Amino acid sequence: MTNDSKLGLLAGLAAVVVIAVVYFQKPPEVGAAAVPAKPAAVSLSPAVIVTIPSR
């Protein structure tokens, strides 16, 4: 490949990547907070141990 064709290939590839990034960006939601909401927290309370008395 000549240098011109390598440069053209690189420029074409860069253009496709830029177009893909711009086109597939997720539009911002209206009224969304700047900081994403935290997922539901997992309870960190200690486990309850139930003892069954033997007969």
PDB file of N, CA and C in Angstrom:
ATOM      1  N   MET A   1       0.847  -1.181   0.000  1.00  0.00           N
ATOM      2  CA  MET A   1       0.000   0.000   0.000  1.00  0.00           C
ATOM      3  C   MET A   1       0.887   1.237   0.000  1.00  0.00           C
ATOM      4  N   THR A   2       0.469   2.193  -0.719  1.00  0.00           N
ATOM      5  CA  THR A   2       1.214   3.451  -0.732  1.00  0.00           C
ATOM      6  C   THR A   2       0.829   4.283   0.484  1.00  0.00           C
ATOM      7  N   ASN A   3       1.619   5.288   0.739  1.00  0.00           N
ATOM      8  CA  ASN A   3       1.354   6.139   1.902  1.00  0.00           C
ATOM      9  C   ASN A   3       0.025   6.870   1.761  1.00  0.00           C
ATOM     10  N   ASP A   4      -0.350   7.250   0.555  1.00  0.00           N
ATOM     11  CA  ASP A   4      -1.627   7.937   0.348  1.00  0.00           C
ATOM     12  C   ASP A   4      -2.805   7.029   0.693  1.00  0.00           C
ATOM     13  N   SER A   5      -2.710   5.777   0.302  1.00  0.00           N
ATOM     14  CA  SER A   5      -3.821   4.873   0.595  1.00  0.00           C
ATOM     15  C   SER A   5      -3.896   4.557   2.092  1.00  0.00           C
ATOM     16  N   LYS A   6      -2.747   4.473   2.756  1.00  0.00           N
ATOM     17  CA  LYS A   6      -2.749   4.251   4.204  1.00  0.00           C
ATOM     18  C   LYS A   6      -3.380   5.447   4.928  1.00  0.00           C
ATOM     19  N   LEU A   7      -3.037   6.651   4.476  1.00  0.00           N
ATOM     20  CA  LEU A   7      -3.603   7.851   5.076  1.00  0.00           C
ATOM     21  C   LEU A   7      -5.107   7.922   4.841  1.00  0.00           C
ATOM     22  N   GLY A   8      -5.550   7.563   3.655  1.00  0.00           N
ATOM     23  CA  GLY A   8      -6.978   7.547   3.356  1.00  0.00           C
ATOM     24  C   GLY A   8      -7.725   6.521   4.189  1.00  0.00           C
ATOM     25  N   LEU A   9      -7.118   5.359   4.363  1.00  0.00           N
ATOM     26  CA  LEU A   9      -7.730   4.318   5.195  1.00  0.00           C
ATOM     27  C   LEU A   9      -7.847   4.786   6.640  1.00  0.00           C
ATOM     28  N   LEU A  10      -6.803   5.412   7.149  1.00  0.00           N
ATOM     29  CA  LEU A  10      -6.818   5.912   8.519  1.00  0.00           C
ATOM     30  C   LEU A  10      -7.854   7.025   8.689  1.00  0.00           C
ATOM     31  N   ALA A  11      -7.936   7.924   7.723  1.00  0.00           N
ATOM     32  CA  ALA A  11      -8.905   9.022   7.796  1.00  0.00           C
ATOM     33  C   ALA A  11     -10.335   8.483   7.714  1.00  0.00           C
ATOM     34  N   GLY A  12     -10.572   7.501   6.861  1.00  0.00           N
ATOM     35  CA  GLY A  12     -11.901   6.905   6.743  1.00  0.00           C
ATOM     36  C   GLY A  12     -12.315   6.183   8.011  1.00  0.00           C
ATOM     37  N   LEU A  13     -11.381   5.467   8.589  1.00  0.00           N
ATOM     38  CA  LEU A  13     -11.667   4.751   9.827  1.00  0.00           C
ATOM     39  C   LEU A  13     -11.961   5.736  10.962  1.00  0.00           C
ATOM     40  N   ALA A  14     -11.182   6.797  11.039  1.00  0.00           N
ATOM     41  CA  ALA A  14     -11.411   7.809  12.074  1.00  0.00           C
ATOM     42  C   ALA A  14     -12.771   8.472  11.883  1.00  0.00           C
ATOM     43  N   ALA A  15     -13.154   8.736  10.635  1.00  0.00           N
ATOM     44  CA  ALA A  15     -14.453   9.362  10.369  1.00  0.00           C
ATOM     45  C   ALA A  15     -15.597   8.441  10.790  1.00  0.00           C
ATOM     46  N   VAL A  16     -15.468   7.153  10.512  1.00  0.00           N
ATOM     47  CA  VAL A  16     -16.516   6.201  10.890  1.00  0.00           C
ATOM     48  C   VAL A  16     -16.649   6.133  12.412  1.00  0.00           C
ATOM     49  N   VAL A  17     -15.540   6.126  13.125  1.00  0.00           N
ATOM     50  CA  VAL A  17     -15.585   6.058  14.583  1.00  0.00           C
ATOM     51  C   VAL A  17     -16.216   7.328  15.155  1.00  0.00           C
ATOM     52  N   VAL A  18     -15.837   8.486  14.627  1.00  0.00           N
ATOM     53  CA  VAL A  18     -16.397   9.749  15.121  1.00  0.00           C
ATOM     54  C   VAL A  18     -17.897   9.813  14.853  1.00  0.00           C
ATOM     55  N   ILE A  19     -18.311   9.423  13.668  1.00  0.00           N
ATOM     56  CA  ILE A  19     -19.736   9.440  13.332  1.00  0.00           C
ATOM     57  C   ILE A  19     -20.505   8.469  14.228  1.00  0.00           C
ATOM     58  N   ALA A  20     -19.945   7.293  14.490  1.00  0.00           N
ATOM     59  CA  ALA A  20     -20.613   6.311  15.352  1.00  0.00           C
ATOM     60  C   ALA A  20     -20.765   6.839  16.773  1.00  0.00           C
ATOM     61  N   VAL A  21     -19.738   7.494  17.295  1.00  0.00           N
ATOM     62  CA  VAL A  21     -19.804   8.020  18.660  1.00  0.00           C
ATOM     63  C   VAL A  21     -20.850   9.128  18.752  1.00  0.00           C
ATOM     64  N   VAL A  22     -20.878  10.000  17.758  1.00  0.00           N
ATOM     65  CA  VAL A  22     -21.832  11.112  17.780  1.00  0.00           C
ATOM     66  C   VAL A  22     -23.257  10.602  17.572  1.00  0.00           C
ATOM     67  N   TYR A  23     -23.432   9.665  16.665  1.00  0.00           N
ATOM     68  CA  TYR A  23     -24.771   9.192  16.318  1.00  0.00           C
ATOM     69  C   TYR A  23     -25.385   8.346  17.428  1.00  0.00           C
ATOM     70  N   PHE A  24     -24.587   7.533  18.091  1.00  0.00           N
ATOM     71  CA  PHE A  24     -25.131   6.602  19.075  1.00  0.00           C
ATOM     72  C   PHE A  24     -25.061   7.122  20.501  1.00  0.00           C
ATOM     73  N   GLN A  25     -24.823   8.424  20.706  1.00  0.00           N
ATOM     74  CA  GLN A  25     -24.858   8.967  22.051  1.00  0.00           C
ATOM     75  C   GLN A  25     -26.275   8.933  22.577  1.00  0.00           C
ATOM     76  N   LYS A  26     -26.405   8.593  23.847  1.00  0.00           N
ATOM     77  CA  LYS A  26     -27.719   8.548  24.473  1.00  0.00           C
ATOM     78  C   LYS A  26     -28.141   9.979  24.802  1.00  0.00           C
ATOM     79  N   PRO A  27     -29.309  10.393  24.360  1.00  0.00           N
ATOM     80  CA  PRO A  27     -29.740  11.762  24.666  1.00  0.00           C
ATOM     81  C   PRO A  27     -29.995  11.911  26.162  1.00  0.00           C
ATOM     82  N   PRO A  28     -29.665  13.070  26.740  1.00  0.00           N
ATOM     83  CA  PRO A  28     -29.899  13.249  28.174  1.00  0.00           C
ATOM     84  C   PRO A  28     -31.388  13.289  28.479  1.00  0.00           C
ATOM     85  N   GLU A  29     -31.746  12.705  29.602  1.00  0.00           N
ATOM     86  CA  GLU A  29     -33.146  12.684  30.004  1.00  0.00           C
ATOM     87  C   GLU A  29     -33.529  14.041  30.575  1.00  0.00           C
ATOM     88  N   VAL A  30     -34.731  14.462  30.317  1.00  0.00           N
ATOM     89  CA  VAL A  30     -35.199  15.755  30.801  1.00  0.00           C
ATOM     90  C   VAL A  30     -35.421  15.659  32.307  1.00  0.00           C
ATOM     91  N   GLY A  31     -34.840  16.580  33.051  1.00  0.00           N
ATOM     92  CA  GLY A  31     -35.016  16.608  34.496  1.00  0.00           C
ATOM     93  C   GLY A  31     -34.168  15.604  35.241  1.00  0.00           C
ATOM     94  N   ALA A  32     -33.246  14.968  34.576  1.00  0.00           N
ATOM     95  CA  ALA A  32     -32.407  13.989  35.249  1.00  0.00           C
ATOM     96  C   ALA A  32     -31.381  14.700  36.116  1.00  0.00           C
ATOM     97  N   ALA A  33     -31.043  14.113  37.237  1.00  0.00           N
ATOM     98  CA  ALA A  33     -30.049  14.688  38.136  1.00  0.00           C
ATOM     99  C   ALA A  33     -28.668  14.589  37.496  1.00  0.00           C
ATOM    100  N   ALA A  34     -27.791  15.487  37.878  1.00  0.00           N
ATOM    101  CA  ALA A  34     -26.435  15.484  37.326  1.00  0.00           C
ATOM    102  C   ALA A  34     -25.675  14.241  37.779  1.00  0.00           C
ATOM    103  N   VAL A  35     -25.954  13.784  39.004  1.00  0.00           N
ATOM    104  CA  VAL A  35     -25.306  12.595  39.527  1.00  0.00           C
ATOM    105  C   VAL A  35     -26.290  11.437  39.402  1.00  0.00           C
ATOM    106  N   PRO A  36     -25.871  10.326  38.796  1.00  0.00           N
ATOM    107  CA  PRO A  36     -26.812   9.208  38.661  1.00  0.00           C
ATOM    108  C   PRO A  36     -27.222   8.660  40.025  1.00  0.00           C
ATOM    109  N   ALA A  37     -28.460   8.216  40.091  1.00  0.00           N
ATOM    110  CA  ALA A  37     -28.989   7.686  41.348  1.00  0.00           C
ATOM    111  C   ALA A  37     -28.266   6.400  41.717  1.00  0.00           C
ATOM    112  N   LYS A  38     -28.100   6.202  43.013  1.00  0.00           N
ATOM    113  CA  LYS A  38     -27.443   4.989  43.483  1.00  0.00           C
ATOM    114  C   LYS A  38     -28.416   3.816  43.355  1.00  0.00           C
ATOM    115  N   PRO A  39     -27.907   2.637  43.049  1.00  0.00           N
ATOM    116  CA  PRO A  39     -28.789   1.470  43.000  1.00  0.00           C
ATOM    117  C   PRO A  39     -29.284   1.127  44.407  1.00  0.00           C
ATOM    118  N   ALA A  40     -30.300   0.333  44.469  1.00  0.00           N
ATOM    119  CA  ALA A  40     -30.860  -0.048  45.765  1.00  0.00           C
ATOM    120  C   ALA A  40     -29.775  -0.668  46.634  1.00  0.00           C
ATOM    121  N   ALA A  41     -29.699  -0.196  47.847  1.00  0.00           N
ATOM    122  CA  ALA A  41     -28.653  -0.650  48.754  1.00  0.00           C
ATOM    123  C   ALA A  41     -28.993  -2.029  49.313  1.00  0.00           C
ATOM    124  N   VAL A  42     -27.966  -2.778  49.548  1.00  0.00           N
ATOM    125  CA  VAL A  42     -28.126  -4.086  50.165  1.00  0.00           C
ATOM    126  C   VAL A  42     -28.054  -3.880  51.669  1.00  0.00           C
ATOM    127  N   SER A  43     -28.950  -4.527  52.369  1.00  0.00           N
ATOM    128  CA  SER A  43     -28.980  -4.380  53.819  1.00  0.00           C
ATOM    129  C   SER A  43     -27.704  -4.937  54.432  1.00  0.00           C
ATOM    130  N   LEU A  44     -27.107  -4.160  55.315  1.00  0.00           N
ATOM    131  CA  LEU A  44     -25.873  -4.591  55.961  1.00  0.00           C
ATOM    132  C   LEU A  44     -26.097  -5.015  57.402  1.00  0.00           C
ATOM    133  N   SER A  45     -27.363  -5.226  57.772  1.00  0.00           N
ATOM    134  CA  SER A  45     -27.647  -5.648  59.141  1.00  0.00           C
ATOM    135  C   SER A  45     -27.130  -7.075  59.343  1.00  0.00           C
ATOM    136  N   PRO A  46     -26.712  -7.388  60.571  1.00  0.00           N
ATOM    137  CA  PRO A  46     -26.178  -8.727  60.824  1.00  0.00           C
ATOM    138  C   PRO A  46     -27.266  -9.794  60.661  1.00  0.00           C
ATOM    139  N   ALA A  47     -26.838 -10.953  60.286  1.00  0.00           N
ATOM    140  CA  ALA A  47     -27.770 -12.057  60.092  1.00  0.00           C
ATOM    141  C   ALA A  47     -28.359 -12.486  61.433  1.00  0.00           C
ATOM    142  N   VAL A  48     -29.609 -12.867  61.422  1.00  0.00           N
ATOM    143  CA  VAL A  48     -30.280 -13.317  62.637  1.00  0.00           C
ATOM    144  C   VAL A  48     -30.087 -14.831  62.733  1.00  0.00           C
ATOM    145  N   ILE A  49     -29.543 -15.264  63.861  1.00  0.00           N
ATOM    146  CA  ILE A  49     -29.322 -16.683  64.055  1.00  0.00           C
ATOM    147  C   ILE A  49     -30.422 -17.209  64.954  1.00  0.00           C
ATOM    148  N   VAL A  50     -31.158 -18.164  64.433  1.00  0.00           N
ATOM    149  CA  VAL A  50     -32.258 -18.746  65.195  1.00  0.00           C
ATOM    150  C   VAL A  50     -31.797 -20.090  65.723  1.00  0.00           C
ATOM    151  N   THR A  51     -31.911 -20.254  67.037  1.00  0.00           N
ATOM    152  CA  THR A  51     -31.544 -21.530  67.633  1.00  0.00           C
ATOM    153  C   THR A  51     -32.819 -22.284  68.000  1.00  0.00           C
ATOM    154  N   ILE A  52     -32.858 -23.518  67.624  1.00  0.00           N
ATOM    155  CA  ILE A  52     -33.999 -24.362  67.949  1.00  0.00           C
ATOM    156  C   ILE A  52     -33.593 -25.271  69.094  1.00  0.00           C
ATOM    157  N   PRO A  53     -34.291 -25.153  70.224  1.00  0.00           N
ATOM    158  CA  PRO A  53     -33.900 -26.002  71.368  1.00  0.00           C
ATOM    159  C   PRO A  53     -34.173 -27.477  71.065  1.00  0.00           C
ATOM    160  N   SER A  54     -33.265 -28.304  71.500  1.00  0.00           N
ATOM    161  CA  SER A  54     -33.457 -29.746  71.279  1.00  0.00           C
ATOM    162  C   SER A  54     -34.328 -30.306  72.395  1.00  0.00           C
ATOM    163  N   ARG A  55     -35.057 -31.347  72.110  1.00  0.00           N
ATOM    164  CA  ARG A  55     -35.974 -31.930  73.100  1.00  0.00           C
ATOM    165  C   ARG A  55     -35.369 -33.114  73.781  1.00  0.00           C
TER     166      ARG A  55
END
